[in-house]
Amino acid sequence: MVSQARLVRGATRSLVIDLALLLEGQHAYELPEVLIGACRLVRLDLSKAQRLDTSGGELPLRPSARKPAGAAAAAAAPAAVAEE
């Protein structure tokens, strides 16, 4: 298994991987199917990967260090005051 992982490690630097999560409808009442989300992984460098500690039964989540693009503009703009 380790030797296979080493082969893949070099190949990921040239891959583009598209992933999507879809709720599949098995019956007519479950249609249309729903796309929950999607992401694109571009040229991954697995040498920078870190192991996740799953000993607690859950994946650790860190708050995002980045703010949404609109948040910086909204914070910089003064609040509008309604004039009569």
N, C-alpha and C. Protein backbone atom coordinates (compact mmCIF):
# COMPACT_ATOMS: atom_id res chain seq x y z
N MET A 1 0.82 -1.20 0.00
CA MET A 1 0.00 0.00 0.00
C MET A 1 0.86 1.25 0.00
N VAL A 2 1.95 1.25 0.75
CA VAL A 2 2.82 2.42 0.84
C VAL A 2 3.44 2.74 -0.51
N SER A 3 3.88 1.71 -1.24
CA SER A 3 4.50 1.96 -2.54
C SER A 3 3.49 2.54 -3.53
N GLN A 4 2.21 2.13 -3.44
CA GLN A 4 1.17 2.69 -4.30
C GLN A 4 0.93 4.15 -3.97
N ALA A 5 0.96 4.49 -2.69
CA ALA A 5 0.77 5.89 -2.28
C ALA A 5 1.90 6.76 -2.82
N ARG A 6 3.10 6.23 -2.86
CA ARG A 6 4.23 7.01 -3.39
C ARG A 6 4.07 7.26 -4.88
N LEU A 7 3.53 6.30 -5.61
CA LEU A 7 3.28 6.50 -7.04
C LEU A 7 2.25 7.59 -7.26
N VAL A 8 1.21 7.60 -6.46
CA VAL A 8 0.13 8.58 -6.60
C VAL A 8 0.62 9.96 -6.20
N ARG A 9 1.48 10.04 -5.21
CA ARG A 9 1.95 11.33 -4.69
C ARG A 9 2.53 12.20 -5.79
N GLY A 10 3.34 11.64 -6.66
CA GLY A 10 3.91 12.42 -7.75
C GLY A 10 2.90 12.78 -8.82
N ALA A 11 1.94 11.91 -9.05
CA ALA A 11 0.94 12.14 -10.11
C ALA A 11 -0.05 13.23 -9.74
N THR A 12 -0.31 13.44 -8.46
CA THR A 12 -1.32 14.43 -8.07
C THR A 12 -0.90 15.85 -8.43
N ARG A 13 0.36 16.08 -8.63
CA ARG A 13 0.82 17.42 -8.98
C ARG A 13 0.41 17.82 -10.40
N SER A 14 -0.05 16.87 -11.19
CA SER A 14 -0.47 17.19 -12.55
C SER A 14 -1.96 16.90 -12.78
N LEU A 15 -2.69 16.56 -11.73
CA LEU A 15 -4.10 16.22 -11.87
C LEU A 15 -5.02 17.38 -11.52
N VAL A 16 -6.19 17.38 -12.15
CA VAL A 16 -7.30 18.23 -11.75
C VAL A 16 -8.45 17.29 -11.43
N ILE A 17 -8.93 17.32 -10.19
CA ILE A 17 -9.97 16.40 -9.73
C ILE A 17 -11.23 17.19 -9.40
N ASP A 18 -12.34 16.84 -10.03
CA ASP A 18 -13.63 17.46 -9.73
C ASP A 18 -14.44 16.49 -8.89
N LEU A 19 -14.91 16.95 -7.72
CA LEU A 19 -15.72 16.13 -6.83
C LEU A 19 -17.08 16.79 -6.66
N ALA A 20 -18.13 15.98 -6.60
CA ALA A 20 -19.47 16.52 -6.37
C ALA A 20 -20.22 15.58 -5.44
N LEU A 21 -21.05 16.15 -4.58
CA LEU A 21 -21.93 15.39 -3.69
C LEU A 21 -23.35 15.53 -4.21
N LEU A 22 -23.98 14.41 -4.48
CA LEU A 22 -25.30 14.40 -5.10
C LEU A 22 -26.24 13.52 -4.31
N LEU A 23 -27.45 14.00 -4.07
CA LEU A 23 -28.49 13.15 -3.50
C LEU A 23 -29.16 12.42 -4.65
N GLU A 24 -28.98 11.12 -4.69
CA GLU A 24 -29.49 10.32 -5.81
C GLU A 24 -30.94 9.93 -5.58
N GLY A 25 -31.77 10.19 -6.57
CA GLY A 25 -33.17 9.79 -6.50
C GLY A 25 -33.33 8.35 -6.95
N GLN A 26 -33.94 7.51 -6.13
CA GLN A 26 -34.18 6.12 -6.47
C GLN A 26 -35.61 5.90 -6.96
N HIS A 27 -36.49 6.82 -6.61
CA HIS A 27 -37.91 6.71 -6.97
C HIS A 27 -38.37 8.03 -7.57
N ALA A 28 -39.50 8.00 -8.27
CA ALA A 28 -40.01 9.20 -8.94
C ALA A 28 -40.25 10.34 -7.95
N TYR A 29 -40.71 10.05 -6.74
CA TYR A 29 -40.99 11.11 -5.77
C TYR A 29 -39.72 11.73 -5.20
N GLU A 30 -38.55 11.12 -5.45
CA GLU A 30 -37.28 11.66 -4.99
C GLU A 30 -36.59 12.51 -6.05
N LEU A 31 -37.24 12.69 -7.18
CA LEU A 31 -36.66 13.46 -8.27
C LEU A 31 -37.17 14.89 -8.23
N PRO A 32 -36.49 15.88 -8.68
CA PRO A 32 -35.17 15.80 -9.31
C PRO A 32 -34.07 15.58 -8.27
N GLU A 33 -32.96 15.03 -8.73
CA GLU A 33 -31.83 14.82 -7.84
C GLU A 33 -31.22 16.17 -7.48
N VAL A 34 -30.56 16.23 -6.33
CA VAL A 34 -30.06 17.50 -5.82
C VAL A 34 -28.55 17.46 -5.66
N LEU A 35 -27.88 18.45 -6.23
CA LEU A 35 -26.44 18.60 -6.05
C LEU A 35 -26.21 19.38 -4.77
N ILE A 36 -25.53 18.76 -3.79
CA ILE A 36 -25.30 19.39 -2.50
C ILE A 36 -24.11 20.34 -2.58
N GLY A 37 -23.07 19.93 -3.26
CA GLY A 37 -21.89 20.78 -3.35
C GLY A 37 -20.87 20.18 -4.30
N ALA A 38 -19.90 20.98 -4.67
CA ALA A 38 -18.84 20.52 -5.56
C ALA A 38 -17.57 21.28 -5.27
N CYS A 39 -16.45 20.67 -5.61
CA CYS A 39 -15.16 21.36 -5.47
C CYS A 39 -14.20 20.83 -6.52
N ARG A 40 -13.18 21.61 -6.80
CA ARG A 40 -12.14 21.22 -7.75
C ARG A 40 -10.80 21.23 -7.01
N LEU A 41 -10.07 20.14 -7.12
CA LEU A 41 -8.74 20.01 -6.54
C LEU A 41 -7.74 20.11 -7.68
N VAL A 42 -6.85 21.10 -7.61
CA VAL A 42 -5.93 21.35 -8.71
C VAL A 42 -4.50 21.18 -8.23
N ARG A 43 -3.76 20.30 -8.89
CA ARG A 43 -2.32 20.08 -8.66
C ARG A 43 -1.98 20.00 -7.17
N LEU A 44 -2.48 18.97 -6.51
CA LEU A 44 -2.23 18.78 -5.09
C LEU A 44 -0.78 18.40 -4.83
N ASP A 45 -0.22 18.97 -3.79
CA ASP A 45 1.14 18.61 -3.36
C ASP A 45 0.99 17.81 -2.06
N LEU A 46 0.97 16.50 -2.18
CA LEU A 46 0.74 15.64 -1.03
C LEU A 46 1.91 15.63 -0.05
N SER A 47 3.05 16.17 -0.45
CA SER A 47 4.16 16.24 0.50
C SER A 47 3.88 17.25 1.61
N LYS A 48 2.91 18.14 1.39
CA LYS A 48 2.52 19.14 2.40
C LYS A 48 1.32 18.69 3.22
N ALA A 49 0.80 17.50 2.95
CA ALA A 49 -0.38 17.00 3.66
C ALA A 49 -0.06 16.72 5.12
N GLN A 50 -1.06 16.89 5.97
CA GLN A 50 -0.91 16.61 7.39
C GLN A 50 -1.95 15.58 7.80
N ARG A 51 -1.60 14.74 8.75
CA ARG A 51 -2.54 13.74 9.25
C ARG A 51 -3.56 14.40 10.16
N LEU A 52 -4.80 13.95 10.07
CA LEU A 52 -5.86 14.43 10.94
C LEU A 52 -5.96 13.54 12.16
N ASP A 53 -6.14 14.14 13.32
CA ASP A 53 -6.34 13.38 14.55
C ASP A 53 -7.82 13.04 14.66
N THR A 54 -8.16 11.80 14.38
CA THR A 54 -9.55 11.35 14.45
C THR A 54 -9.79 10.48 15.66
N SER A 55 -8.89 10.50 16.63
CA SER A 55 -9.03 9.66 17.80
C SER A 55 -10.25 10.04 18.63
N GLY A 56 -10.70 11.29 18.53
CA GLY A 56 -11.87 11.73 19.28
C GLY A 56 -13.18 11.36 18.59
N GLY A 57 -13.10 10.75 17.42
CA GLY A 57 -14.31 10.34 16.71
C GLY A 57 -14.85 11.41 15.76
N GLU A 58 -14.32 12.63 15.82
CA GLU A 58 -14.76 13.71 14.95
C GLU A 58 -13.55 14.37 14.31
N LEU A 59 -13.76 14.97 13.16
CA LEU A 59 -12.69 15.70 12.52
C LEU A 59 -12.56 17.07 13.16
N PRO A 60 -11.34 17.51 13.44
CA PRO A 60 -11.16 18.84 14.03
C PRO A 60 -11.45 19.91 12.99
N LEU A 61 -12.23 20.91 13.36
CA LEU A 61 -12.54 22.01 12.46
C LEU A 61 -11.90 23.28 13.00
N ARG A 62 -11.20 23.97 12.14
CA ARG A 62 -10.59 25.24 12.53
C ARG A 62 -11.39 26.36 11.87
N PRO A 63 -11.58 27.48 12.56
CA PRO A 63 -12.26 28.60 11.91
C PRO A 63 -11.42 29.13 10.76
N SER A 64 -12.08 29.59 9.74
CA SER A 64 -11.38 30.10 8.57
C SER A 64 -10.67 31.41 8.91
N ALA A 65 -9.44 31.54 8.46
CA ALA A 65 -8.67 32.76 8.70
C ALA A 65 -9.06 33.85 7.71
N ARG A 66 -9.67 33.43 6.60
CA ARG A 66 -10.06 34.39 5.57
C ARG A 66 -11.50 34.84 5.79
N LYS A 67 -11.77 36.10 5.50
CA LYS A 67 -13.13 36.62 5.55
C LYS A 67 -13.71 36.53 4.15
N PRO A 68 -15.04 36.40 4.03
CA PRO A 68 -15.65 36.44 2.70
C PRO A 68 -15.32 37.75 2.00
N ALA A 69 -15.29 37.74 0.68
CA ALA A 69 -14.89 38.90 -0.10
C ALA A 69 -15.73 40.12 0.23
N GLY A 70 -17.02 39.97 0.44
CA GLY A 70 -17.90 41.10 0.72
C GLY A 70 -17.76 41.62 2.14
N ALA A 71 -17.22 40.85 3.04
CA ALA A 71 -17.14 41.24 4.45
C ALA A 71 -16.18 42.41 4.63
N ALA A 72 -15.05 42.42 3.93
CA ALA A 72 -14.08 43.50 4.07
C ALA A 72 -14.66 44.81 3.56
N ALA A 73 -15.36 44.77 2.43
CA ALA A 73 -15.95 45.98 1.87
C ALA A 73 -17.07 46.50 2.77
N ALA A 74 -17.86 45.60 3.32
CA ALA A 74 -18.96 46.01 4.19
C ALA A 74 -18.43 46.62 5.48
N ALA A 75 -17.34 46.10 6.00
CA ALA A 75 -16.76 46.62 7.23
C ALA A 75 -16.14 47.99 7.00
N ALA A 76 -15.59 48.24 5.81
CA ALA A 76 -14.92 49.49 5.52
C ALA A 76 -15.91 50.61 5.21
N ALA A 77 -17.08 50.26 4.67
CA ALA A 77 -18.06 51.27 4.28
C ALA A 77 -18.79 51.78 5.52
N PRO A 78 -19.02 53.10 5.62
CA PRO A 78 -19.77 53.62 6.75
C PRO A 78 -21.24 53.22 6.65
N ALA A 79 -21.89 53.10 7.79
CA ALA A 79 -23.29 52.73 7.82
C ALA A 79 -24.11 53.84 7.21
N ALA A 80 -25.08 53.49 6.39
CA ALA A 80 -25.95 54.47 5.76
C ALA A 80 -26.98 54.97 6.77
N VAL A 81 -27.20 56.28 6.78
CA VAL A 81 -28.18 56.87 7.68
C VAL A 81 -29.32 57.40 6.83
N ALA A 82 -30.52 56.98 7.16
CA ALA A 82 -31.69 57.42 6.40
C ALA A 82 -32.01 58.86 6.75
N GLU A 83 -32.13 59.69 5.74
CA GLU A 83 -32.47 61.09 5.94
C GLU A 83 -33.89 61.32 5.46
N GLU A 84 -34.62 62.16 6.18
CA GLU A 84 -36.01 62.46 5.80
C GLU A 84 -36.11 63.82 5.23
